[in-house]
Protein backbone atom coordinates (compact mmCIF):
# COMPACT_ATOMS: atom_id res chain seq x y z
CA UNK A 1 0.14 -0.03 -0.20
CA UNK A 2 1.04 3.77 -0.75
CA UNK A 3 1.93 5.72 2.21
CA UNK A 4 1.44 9.51 2.10
CA UNK A 5 3.70 11.29 5.00
CA UNK A 6 3.05 14.68 6.14
CA UNK A 7 5.76 15.78 8.89
CA UNK A 8 5.97 19.48 10.22
CA UNK A 9 9.39 20.73 9.99
CA UNK A 10 9.11 23.85 11.79
CA UNK A 11 8.97 24.85 15.71
CA UNK A 12 6.17 27.08 16.30
CA UNK A 13 5.12 29.08 19.16
CA UNK A 14 2.50 26.79 21.35
CA UNK A 15 -0.21 29.55 20.80
CA UNK A 16 -0.12 28.01 17.02
CA UNK A 17 -1.36 24.98 15.75
CA UNK A 18 0.97 22.59 13.80
CA UNK A 19 -1.46 20.90 11.06
CA UNK A 20 -1.45 19.15 7.73
CA UNK A 21 -3.15 21.70 5.07
CA UNK A 22 -4.41 24.86 6.01
CA UNK A 23 -4.00 26.10 9.73
CA UNK A 24 -5.54 28.43 12.04
CA UNK A 25 -4.57 29.99 15.16
CA UNK A 26 -5.62 28.36 18.43
CA UNK A 27 -8.74 30.11 20.04
CA UNK A 28 -8.26 30.72 23.81
CA UNK A 29 -11.07 31.32 26.14
CA UNK A 30 -11.10 33.72 28.87
CA UNK A 31 -10.88 31.06 31.43
CA UNK A 32 -7.65 29.66 29.52
CA UNK A 33 -9.02 26.45 27.81
CA UNK A 34 -7.16 26.24 24.54
CA UNK A 35 -8.90 24.99 21.42
CA UNK A 36 -6.72 23.79 18.69
CA UNK A 37 -8.09 23.27 15.21
CA UNK A 38 -7.07 21.08 12.32
CA UNK A 39 -8.31 22.71 9.13
CA UNK A 40 -8.63 20.49 5.37
CA UNK A 41 -19.82 8.71 43.15
CA UNK A 42 -22.02 7.07 41.82
CA UNK A 43 -23.20 4.32 43.71
CA UNK A 44 -20.75 1.77 44.85
CA UNK A 45 -22.30 -1.66 45.36
CA UNK A 46 -20.68 -4.71 46.65
CA UNK A 47 -21.12 -8.35 44.84
CA UNK A 48 -23.85 -9.10 47.40
CA UNK A 49 -25.91 -6.17 45.88
CA UNK A 50 -25.34 -3.95 49.23
CA UNK A 51 -24.95 -0.06 48.45
CA UNK A 52 -21.94 1.02 50.02
CA UNK A 53 -22.11 4.56 48.66
CA UNK A 54 -24.64 6.74 47.07
CA UNK A 55 -24.21 9.89 45.60
CA UNK A 56 -24.35 9.14 41.95
CA UNK A 57 -26.71 10.35 39.15
CA UNK A 58 -28.65 6.91 38.12
CA UNK A 59 -30.28 8.30 35.12
CA UNK A 60 -29.62 5.94 32.29
CA UNK A 61 -30.27 7.32 28.75
CA UNK A 62 -29.50 4.72 26.17
CA UNK A 63 -30.56 6.59 22.84
CA UNK A 64 -26.84 6.70 21.76
CA UNK A 65 -25.25 3.41 22.90
CA UNK A 66 -24.69 0.58 21.10
CA UNK A 67 -27.30 -1.22 19.30
CA UNK A 68 -29.74 1.25 21.00
CA UNK A 69 -29.90 3.76 17.65
CA UNK A 70 -27.05 5.91 18.25
CA UNK A 71 -25.99 5.44 14.55
CA UNK A 72 -22.44 4.73 15.55
CA UNK A 73 -22.30 1.49 13.59
CA UNK A 74 -19.68 -0.20 15.98
CA UNK A 75 -21.57 -3.09 15.13
CA UNK A 76 -20.54 -6.88 15.09
CA UNK A 77 -22.06 -9.58 13.07
CA UNK A 78 -24.42 -10.44 15.81
CA UNK A 79 -26.07 -7.32 15.34
CA UNK A 80 -24.44 -5.39 18.37
CA UNK A 81 -24.92 -2.45 16.23
CA UNK A 82 -23.09 0.41 18.20
CA UNK A 83 -25.76 2.98 16.27
CA UNK A 84 6.46 -4.56 11.72
CA UNK A 85 8.25 -6.83 11.82
CA UNK A 86 12.17 -6.80 13.02
CA UNK A 87 11.58 -5.79 16.59
CA UNK A 88 12.35 -8.37 19.11
CA UNK A 89 9.56 -8.42 21.79
CA UNK A 90 10.93 -11.24 24.36
CA UNK A 91 10.41 -9.35 27.63
CA UNK A 92 12.02 -10.43 31.07
CA UNK A 93 9.69 -8.78 33.53
CA UNK A 94 11.12 -8.04 37.21
CA UNK A 95 10.27 -10.87 39.66
CA UNK A 96 8.90 -9.39 42.61
CA UNK A 97 8.63 -12.86 44.34
CA UNK A 98 4.48 -12.78 44.60
CA UNK A 99 3.86 -13.34 40.57
CA UNK A 100 3.39 -9.75 39.81
CA UNK A 101 5.38 -7.35 37.36
CA UNK A 102 7.91 -4.97 38.36
CA UNK A 103 6.87 -1.57 38.95
CA UNK A 104 8.02 2.15 38.06
CA UNK A 105 9.36 4.38 40.95
CA UNK A 106 7.29 2.24 43.37
CA UNK A 107 3.27 2.12 43.93
CA UNK A 108 1.61 4.93 42.12
CA UNK A 109 -0.16 7.63 44.47
CA UNK A 110 -3.43 7.58 42.89
CA UNK A 111 -5.33 5.89 40.42
CA UNK A 112 -8.61 6.46 38.55
CA UNK A 113 -10.60 5.14 35.74
CA UNK A 114 -12.12 7.22 32.97
CA UNK A 115 -15.50 5.93 31.65
CA UNK A 116 -17.12 7.45 28.33
CA UNK A 117 -20.73 8.16 28.92
CA UNK A 118 -21.24 8.13 25.20
CA UNK A 119 -24.96 9.01 25.01
CA UNK A 120 -24.16 12.21 27.13
CA UNK A 121 -20.91 13.33 25.55
CA UNK A 122 -19.25 13.45 28.91
CA UNK A 123 -16.31 11.07 30.54
CA UNK A 124 -16.74 10.15 34.31
CA UNK A 125 -13.32 10.38 36.55
CA UNK A 126 -13.69 7.35 39.26
CA UNK A 127 -11.20 6.62 42.01
CA UNK A 128 -10.45 3.17 41.47
CA UNK A 129 -9.66 2.80 45.08
CA UNK A 130 -12.58 4.43 47.02
CA UNK A 131 -15.13 3.58 44.01
CA UNK A 132 -16.32 7.16 44.00
CA UNK A 133 -16.88 9.35 40.94
CA UNK A 134 -14.95 12.43 41.33
CA UNK A 135 -15.92 14.21 38.23
CA UNK A 136 -17.63 14.17 35.03
CA UNK A 137 -16.70 16.60 31.83
CA UNK A 138 -17.86 17.47 28.59
CA UNK A 139 -16.05 15.83 25.62
CA UNK A 140 -17.16 18.26 23.13
CA UNK A 141 -18.92 21.59 22.91
CA UNK A 142 -22.09 20.59 20.94
CA UNK A 143 -22.53 17.67 23.46
CA UNK A 144 -22.76 15.35 20.37
CA UNK A 145 -19.55 14.19 20.68
CA UNK A 146 -20.31 10.27 21.42
CA UNK A 147 -16.84 9.59 23.25
CA UNK A 148 -15.69 5.87 23.13
CA UNK A 149 -12.25 5.45 23.90
CA UNK A 150 -10.01 7.08 26.76
CA UNK A 151 -6.46 6.70 27.18
CA UNK A 152 -4.51 7.55 30.39
CA UNK A 153 -1.23 8.80 30.45
CA UNK A 154 1.57 6.23 32.22
CA UNK A 155 1.59 8.40 35.40
CA UNK A 156 -2.04 8.65 35.61
CA UNK A 157 -2.01 12.52 35.62
CA UNK A 158 -4.33 12.94 32.51
CA UNK A 159 -6.53 11.02 30.14
CA UNK A 160 -7.21 11.69 26.55
CA UNK A 161 -10.57 11.04 25.14
CA UNK A 162 -11.56 10.68 21.65
CA UNK A 163 -14.95 11.51 20.16
CA UNK A 164 -16.38 9.10 17.39
CA UNK A 165 -17.89 12.09 15.98
CA UNK A 166 -14.29 13.95 15.82
CA UNK A 167 -11.94 15.93 18.40
CA UNK A 168 -9.63 14.97 21.26
CA UNK A 169 -9.90 16.43 24.80
CA UNK A 170 -7.13 16.20 27.39
CA UNK A 171 -8.49 16.43 31.23
CA UNK A 172 -6.25 16.56 34.29
CA UNK A 173 -6.78 14.05 36.81
CA UNK A 174 -5.69 15.92 40.16
CA UNK A 175 -6.50 19.64 40.99
CA UNK A 176 -3.07 20.45 41.38
CA UNK A 177 -2.54 19.98 37.69
CA UNK A 178 -5.34 22.04 36.85
CA UNK A 179 -5.41 25.79 35.98
CA UNK A 180 -7.90 26.67 38.77
CA UNK A 181 -10.35 25.65 41.23
CA UNK A 182 -13.23 25.30 39.00
CA UNK A 183 -13.84 21.98 38.24
CA UNK A 184 -16.07 19.27 38.36
CA UNK A 185 -16.78 17.31 41.78
CA UNK A 186 -19.02 14.74 40.54
CA UNK A 187 -21.47 13.26 38.05
CA UNK A 188 -24.27 15.95 38.77
CA UNK A 189 -21.70 18.71 38.55
CA UNK A 190 -20.83 18.83 34.65
CA UNK A 191 -19.47 22.37 34.00
CA UNK A 192 -20.12 24.12 30.83
CA UNK A 193 -18.22 23.59 27.85
CA UNK A 194 -14.94 25.78 28.50
CA UNK A 195 -15.38 26.64 32.20
CA UNK A 196 -13.84 23.43 33.68
CA UNK A 197 -10.35 24.43 34.67
CA UNK A 198 -9.24 20.74 34.81
CA UNK A 199 -9.76 20.69 31.08
CA UNK A 200 -6.13 21.07 29.58
CA UNK A 201 -7.00 21.33 25.72
CA UNK A 202 -9.05 20.23 23.11
CA UNK A 203 -8.32 19.36 19.85
CA UNK A 204 -10.76 19.17 16.82
CA UNK A 205 -10.65 17.19 13.86
CA UNK A 206 -13.50 18.76 11.65
CA UNK A 207 -13.51 16.36 8.79
CA UNK A 208 -13.38 13.17 11.08
CA UNK A 209 -16.37 10.95 10.42
CA UNK A 210 -14.95 8.18 12.57
CA UNK A 211 -12.39 9.09 15.17
CA UNK A 212 -12.18 6.08 17.72
CA UNK A 213 -8.47 5.02 18.65
CA UNK A 214 -6.46 7.03 20.86
CA UNK A 215 -3.63 6.15 22.79
CA UNK A 216 -0.96 7.90 25.10
CA UNK A 217 3.10 7.06 24.59
CA UNK A 218 5.01 6.51 27.54
CA UNK A 219 7.29 9.35 27.03
CA UNK A 220 10.64 9.43 29.04
CA UNK A 221 10.89 8.87 32.70
CA UNK A 222 13.43 10.80 34.78
CA UNK A 223 14.55 7.97 37.15
CA UNK A 224 15.72 10.67 39.87
CA UNK A 225 12.35 12.55 40.05
CA UNK A 226 9.97 9.66 38.58
CA UNK A 227 8.46 12.16 36.55
CA UNK A 228 7.54 11.68 32.63
CA UNK A 229 8.03 14.23 29.86
CA UNK A 230 7.54 14.17 25.96
CA UNK A 231 4.63 12.37 25.83
CA UNK A 232 2.69 12.08 22.83
CA UNK A 233 -1.03 10.98 21.71
CA UNK A 234 -1.69 8.66 19.09
CA UNK A 235 -5.34 8.84 17.05
CA UNK A 236 -6.68 8.17 14.00
CA UNK A 237 -9.66 8.95 11.86
CA UNK A 238 -11.42 8.40 8.84
CA UNK A 239 -13.46 11.11 6.71
CA UNK A 240 -16.10 11.53 4.10
CA UNK A 241 -18.94 10.13 6.22
CA UNK A 242 -22.10 9.04 5.50
CA UNK A 243 -23.74 9.68 8.59
CA UNK A 244 -23.60 7.81 11.98
CA UNK A 245 -20.03 8.22 12.72
CA UNK A 246 -18.86 6.00 9.58
CA UNK A 247 -16.48 6.91 7.09
CA UNK A 248 -16.41 6.78 3.55
CA UNK A 249 -12.90 7.16 1.69
CA UNK A 250 -10.28 5.96 0.20
CA UNK A 251 -7.75 6.21 2.85
CA UNK A 252 -7.18 6.61 6.74
CA UNK A 253 -5.33 9.25 8.74
CA UNK A 254 -2.98 8.40 11.41
CA UNK A 255 -1.85 11.44 13.72
CA UNK A 256 0.58 12.09 16.28
CA UNK A 257 0.04 15.02 18.91
CA UNK A 258 2.15 16.54 21.71
CA UNK A 259 0.51 15.40 24.95
CA UNK A 260 1.44 18.79 26.46
CA UNK A 261 -0.26 21.24 24.09
CA UNK A 262 -2.66 18.90 21.95
CA UNK A 263 -0.66 20.08 18.78
CA UNK A 264 -0.80 18.11 15.89
CA UNK A 265 3.14 17.16 15.03
CA UNK A 266 2.64 14.43 12.69
CA UNK A 267 -0.01 12.99 10.20
CA UNK A 268 0.04 9.79 8.28
CA UNK A 269 -2.14 9.29 5.09
CA UNK A 270 -2.43 5.64 4.50
CA UNK A 271 -4.15 4.32 1.43
CA UNK A 272 -6.45 1.84 2.57
CA UNK A 273 -10.26 2.02 2.11
CA UNK A 274 -12.46 3.65 4.83
CA UNK A 275 -16.07 1.85 4.35
CA UNK A 276 -17.38 1.67 7.87
CA UNK A 277 -14.65 2.76 10.65
CA UNK A 278 -11.78 2.61 9.03
CA UNK A 279 -9.53 2.17 11.94
CA UNK A 280 -11.41 1.00 15.56
CA UNK A 281 -9.21 0.30 18.27
CA UNK A 282 -5.67 1.18 19.26
CA UNK A 283 -2.78 0.32 21.75
CA UNK A 284 0.78 1.49 22.36
CA UNK A 285 3.41 -1.19 23.22
CA UNK A 286 6.86 -0.73 24.87
CA UNK A 287 8.61 1.00 21.69
CA UNK A 288 5.60 3.36 21.59
CA UNK A 289 4.47 1.81 18.15
CA UNK A 290 0.81 2.41 17.60
CA UNK A 291 -0.97 -0.89 16.59
CA UNK A 292 -4.42 -0.43 15.05
CA UNK A 293 -7.54 -2.55 14.45
CA UNK A 294 -9.32 -2.57 10.88
CA UNK A 295 -12.72 -3.74 11.76
CA UNK A 296 -15.04 -4.97 9.01
CA UNK A 297 -12.63 -3.40 6.41
CA UNK A 298 -11.07 -6.39 5.04
CA UNK A 299 -7.69 -7.57 4.76
CA UNK A 300 -5.20 -6.51 6.54
CA UNK A 301 -6.82 -6.33 10.06
CA UNK A 302 -4.50 -4.51 11.55
CA UNK A 303 -1.80 -2.10 11.21
CA UNK A 304 1.56 -0.77 12.98
CA UNK A 305 2.83 2.45 13.07
CA UNK A 306 6.54 2.55 13.63
CA UNK A 307 7.00 5.43 16.44
CA UNK A 308 10.68 6.37 15.22
CA UNK A 309 10.12 6.25 11.22
CA UNK A 310 6.03 6.50 11.01
CA UNK A 311 6.33 3.90 8.60
CA UNK A 312 3.73 1.15 8.82
CA UNK A 313 3.22 -2.80 8.38
CA UNK A 314 0.17 -5.02 8.37
CA UNK A 315 -1.33 -7.63 10.45
CA UNK A 316 -3.21 -9.60 7.91
CA UNK A 317 -4.68 -12.07 9.97
CA UNK A 318 -5.71 -9.68 12.92
CA UNK A 319 -9.40 -9.37 13.87
CA UNK A 320 -10.74 -7.59 17.01
CA UNK A 321 -12.96 -4.88 18.53
CA UNK A 322 -10.58 -4.88 21.09
CA UNK A 323 -6.73 -4.73 21.37
CA UNK A 324 -4.44 -5.36 23.94
CA UNK A 325 -0.43 -5.83 24.22
CA UNK A 326 0.44 -8.33 26.85
CA UNK A 327 3.86 -8.24 29.03
CA UNK A 328 5.94 -10.49 25.74
CA UNK A 329 4.79 -7.83 23.50
CA UNK A 330 1.98 -9.96 21.65
CA UNK A 331 -0.98 -8.16 20.62
CA UNK A 332 -4.45 -9.64 21.31
CA UNK A 333 -7.73 -9.15 19.94
CA UNK A 334 -11.09 -9.64 21.57
CA UNK A 335 -13.81 -10.33 18.85
CA UNK A 336 -15.63 -13.82 18.78
CA UNK A 337 -12.57 -16.32 19.66
CA UNK A 338 -9.71 -14.20 21.17
CA UNK A 339 -6.09 -14.65 20.06
CA UNK A 340 -2.88 -13.10 19.67
CA UNK A 341 -0.34 -11.76 16.81
CA UNK A 342 3.16 -12.38 17.02
CA UNK A 343 5.22 -9.48 15.80
CA UNK A 344 8.38 -11.81 15.65
CA UNK A 345 6.60 -14.63 13.71
CA UNK A 346 3.94 -12.39 11.98
CA UNK A 347 1.44 -14.88 12.48
CA UNK A 348 -2.03 -15.25 14.40
CA UNK A 349 -2.99 -17.95 17.04
CA UNK A 350 -6.63 -18.36 18.46
CA UNK A 351 -7.33 -19.80 21.76
CA UNK A 352 -8.69 -23.29 21.56
CA UNK A 353 -12.31 -23.11 22.47
CA UNK A 354 -15.40 -21.23 22.39
CA UNK A 355 -16.96 -18.09 24.60
CA UNK A 356 -19.82 -16.04 24.57
CA UNK A 357 -18.50 -12.66 23.30
CA UNK A 358 -19.27 -10.97 19.87
CA UNK A 359 -17.28 -7.70 20.24
CA UNK A 360 -15.03 -6.82 23.34
CA UNK A 361 -12.08 -5.23 24.87
CA UNK A 362 -9.38 -6.99 26.91
CA UNK A 363 -6.39 -6.55 29.40
CA UNK A 364 -3.99 -8.41 30.76
CA UNK A 365 -3.69 -8.22 34.79
CA UNK A 366 -0.36 -8.35 36.79
CA UNK A 367 -0.29 -12.01 36.89
CA UNK A 368 -0.11 -12.92 33.40
CA UNK A 369 -3.97 -13.60 32.69
CA UNK A 370 -5.55 -11.72 29.71
CA UNK A 371 -9.06 -11.15 30.79
CA UNK A 372 -11.80 -10.68 27.91
CA UNK A 373 -15.67 -9.88 28.18
CA UNK A 374 -18.30 -12.22 27.99
CA UNK A 375 -22.09 -12.29 28.36
CA UNK A 376 -22.59 -11.56 32.06
CA UNK A 377 -18.90 -11.23 33.13
CA UNK A 378 -15.29 -11.73 32.11
CA UNK A 379 -12.99 -14.92 31.29
CA UNK A 380 -9.49 -15.00 32.00
CA UNK A 381 -6.53 -16.91 29.74
CA UNK A 382 -3.24 -17.41 30.40
CA UNK A 383 -1.20 -15.11 28.23
CA UNK A 384 1.35 -17.14 27.45
CA UNK A 385 -0.34 -20.69 26.92
CA UNK A 386 -3.65 -19.46 26.33
CA UNK A 387 -5.22 -21.77 28.37
CA UNK A 388 -8.66 -21.04 29.91
CA UNK A 389 -8.51 -19.44 33.35
CA UNK A 390 -10.87 -18.36 35.99
CA UNK A 391 -14.61 -17.01 34.86
CA UNK A 392 -16.31 -14.03 36.57
CA UNK A 393 -19.92 -14.11 36.44
CA UNK A 394 -21.97 -10.87 37.78
CA UNK A 395 -25.30 -11.84 39.24
CA UNK A 396 -28.20 -10.97 37.37
CA UNK A 397 -25.89 -9.47 34.72
CA UNK A 398 -27.04 -10.60 31.28
CA UNK A 399 -25.16 -7.75 29.16
CA UNK A 400 -21.84 -8.31 27.57
CA UNK A 401 -19.21 -6.75 29.36
CA UNK A 402 -17.79 -4.52 26.73
CA UNK A 403 -14.84 -2.49 27.72
CA UNK A 404 -12.17 -4.27 29.85
CA UNK A 405 -9.19 -2.65 32.07
CA UNK A 406 -6.62 -3.37 34.92
CA UNK A 407 -5.82 -0.52 36.76
CA UNK A 408 -2.19 0.03 38.42
CA UNK A 409 -3.48 -1.62 41.60
CA UNK A 410 -4.00 -5.22 39.73
CA UNK A 411 -7.73 -4.71 40.00
CA UNK A 412 -9.81 -5.92 36.55
CA UNK A 413 -12.54 -3.69 35.45
CA UNK A 414 -15.71 -4.52 33.39
CA UNK A 415 -18.00 -2.00 31.73
CA UNK A 416 -21.18 -3.51 30.47
CA UNK A 417 -22.16 -2.49 27.16
CA UNK A 418 -24.57 0.82 26.63
CA UNK A 419 -25.32 0.31 30.63
CA UNK A 420 -25.03 2.68 33.57
CA UNK A 421 -22.62 0.52 35.83
CA UNK A 422 -18.88 -0.76 36.27
CA UNK A 423 -17.34 -3.89 37.99
CA UNK A 424 -14.18 -3.89 39.82
CA UNK A 425 -12.95 -7.61 40.30
CA UNK A 426 -10.21 -8.55 42.87
CA UNK A 427 -7.47 -10.41 41.07
CA UNK A 428 -6.78 -12.73 43.97
CA UNK A 429 -10.20 -13.59 45.18
CA UNK A 430 -12.61 -12.95 42.13
CA UNK A 431 -14.69 -10.82 44.48
CA UNK A 432 -16.09 -7.93 43.13
CA UNK A 433 -18.00 -4.51 43.59
CA UNK A 434 -19.85 -2.34 41.34
CA UNK A 435 -20.34 1.26 40.84
CA UNK A 436 -23.72 2.91 38.96
CA UNK A 437 -24.97 5.94 37.82
CA UNK A 438 -23.20 6.39 34.05
CA UNK A 439 -24.95 7.02 30.95
CA UNK A 440 -24.56 4.77 28.10
CA UNK A 441 -21.49 3.72 29.34
CA UNK A 442 -19.30 2.59 26.45
CA UNK A 443 -15.35 2.41 26.20
CA UNK A 444 -13.03 -0.16 24.94
CA UNK A 445 -9.37 1.00 25.70
CA UNK A 446 -6.81 1.64 28.24
CA UNK A 447 -9.25 3.47 30.19
CA UNK A 448 -7.02 3.03 33.55
CA UNK A 449 -3.45 3.34 32.10
CA UNK A 450 -2.67 0.05 33.95
CA UNK A 451 -1.74 -1.38 30.32
CA UNK A 452 0.61 1.33 29.29
CA UNK A 453 2.01 1.15 32.94
CA UNK A 454 2.60 -2.46 32.41
CA UNK A 455 4.52 -2.05 29.06
CA UNK A 456 6.62 0.91 30.29
CA UNK A 457 7.48 -0.91 33.38
CA UNK A 458 8.49 -4.27 31.71
CA UNK A 459 9.91 -3.14 28.35
CA UNK A 460 11.09 -5.83 25.64
CA UNK A 461 14.78 -7.06 26.22
């Protein structure tokens, strides 16, 4: 396939957008929120159903969630209907003596999961340790962004949220990083657009008809201070839309943004057809390469963008809604029969057996188990042998667990498709708690930062 690469050679002031084609000056609101433009506690419920917190908004609007008429089209064959080779990937994780992988600079001081309320065009910030929703934020000015992918930086300080109808927003996790004190305090306190001090920036993609993948790179860690710098954000879009967040074009666009400013630093045009979503999910490996799924777009099923060269290679056999990278550098897909792509051998291996899922995310825990969503719960596999592991079913739950993530403490999170709740599962005894109050919750990606933390702390040898 032919590739067209646009790379910006200029160093511009932070007030100007680096873009492809015609550029426009950033518009900055009076409260300090920067807009970049590219032209051309909810309830915490224990596993036995006992309420432990009750401060959330339990309204459940499902008009725009998957399979309920949002027109998104993130569908699967069963009718779910959401309306590189040459690199060595052998991994030698640090042995902590308890089966867990190593850590970067010790235990994280804080931990949040960011859950997209797709039908509300907001994202919720939930403290993974207290199970309390501490903030909720608009993701697009017109409140019609239909966000679905959230990616957390390796240090946990910020989230990047992709709107399926175009646009990326960065939000700080801690008050100390925010521009001021005016910020959301919970699900019933969504600030008007441009007035929340914890929103760092918003970069518009006005031509995007389908913008789903988003993923932080690790950046560079200062071992003396344990602070990360030079962090980037990958995203991808399809254009020429025919409605409902579908694309209709003869190519796809992959972008790399400056994580600090939101400026678009690099754009890669790839000559692959974009007839439904173009590109669907994305994940970053230990080299900061960007791996993408091409759901329903035919062969190849996936792509890899090299961080250093911005060249691409294909995963011909890869197929999956969700996408994840394990501690050995293998790339997993979670649709139908989950499997993994070996970048060294350029081949795909499926699990030996069937599970009840149609289109889901997946994530590896600290014990080397890959968890994938199933109807009513989650299922684990040994990441190396691919043997079936434990299964967790949530009582009275019939909906497929769509989004799966593992936080920095090792807890497994499951978000049922287009519902109001999420589950946190203890990796040791498999007990769980739930939190309610979301609105059309739908998210696939590394919503806790645990996956990026895992590859950053256990890089390939």
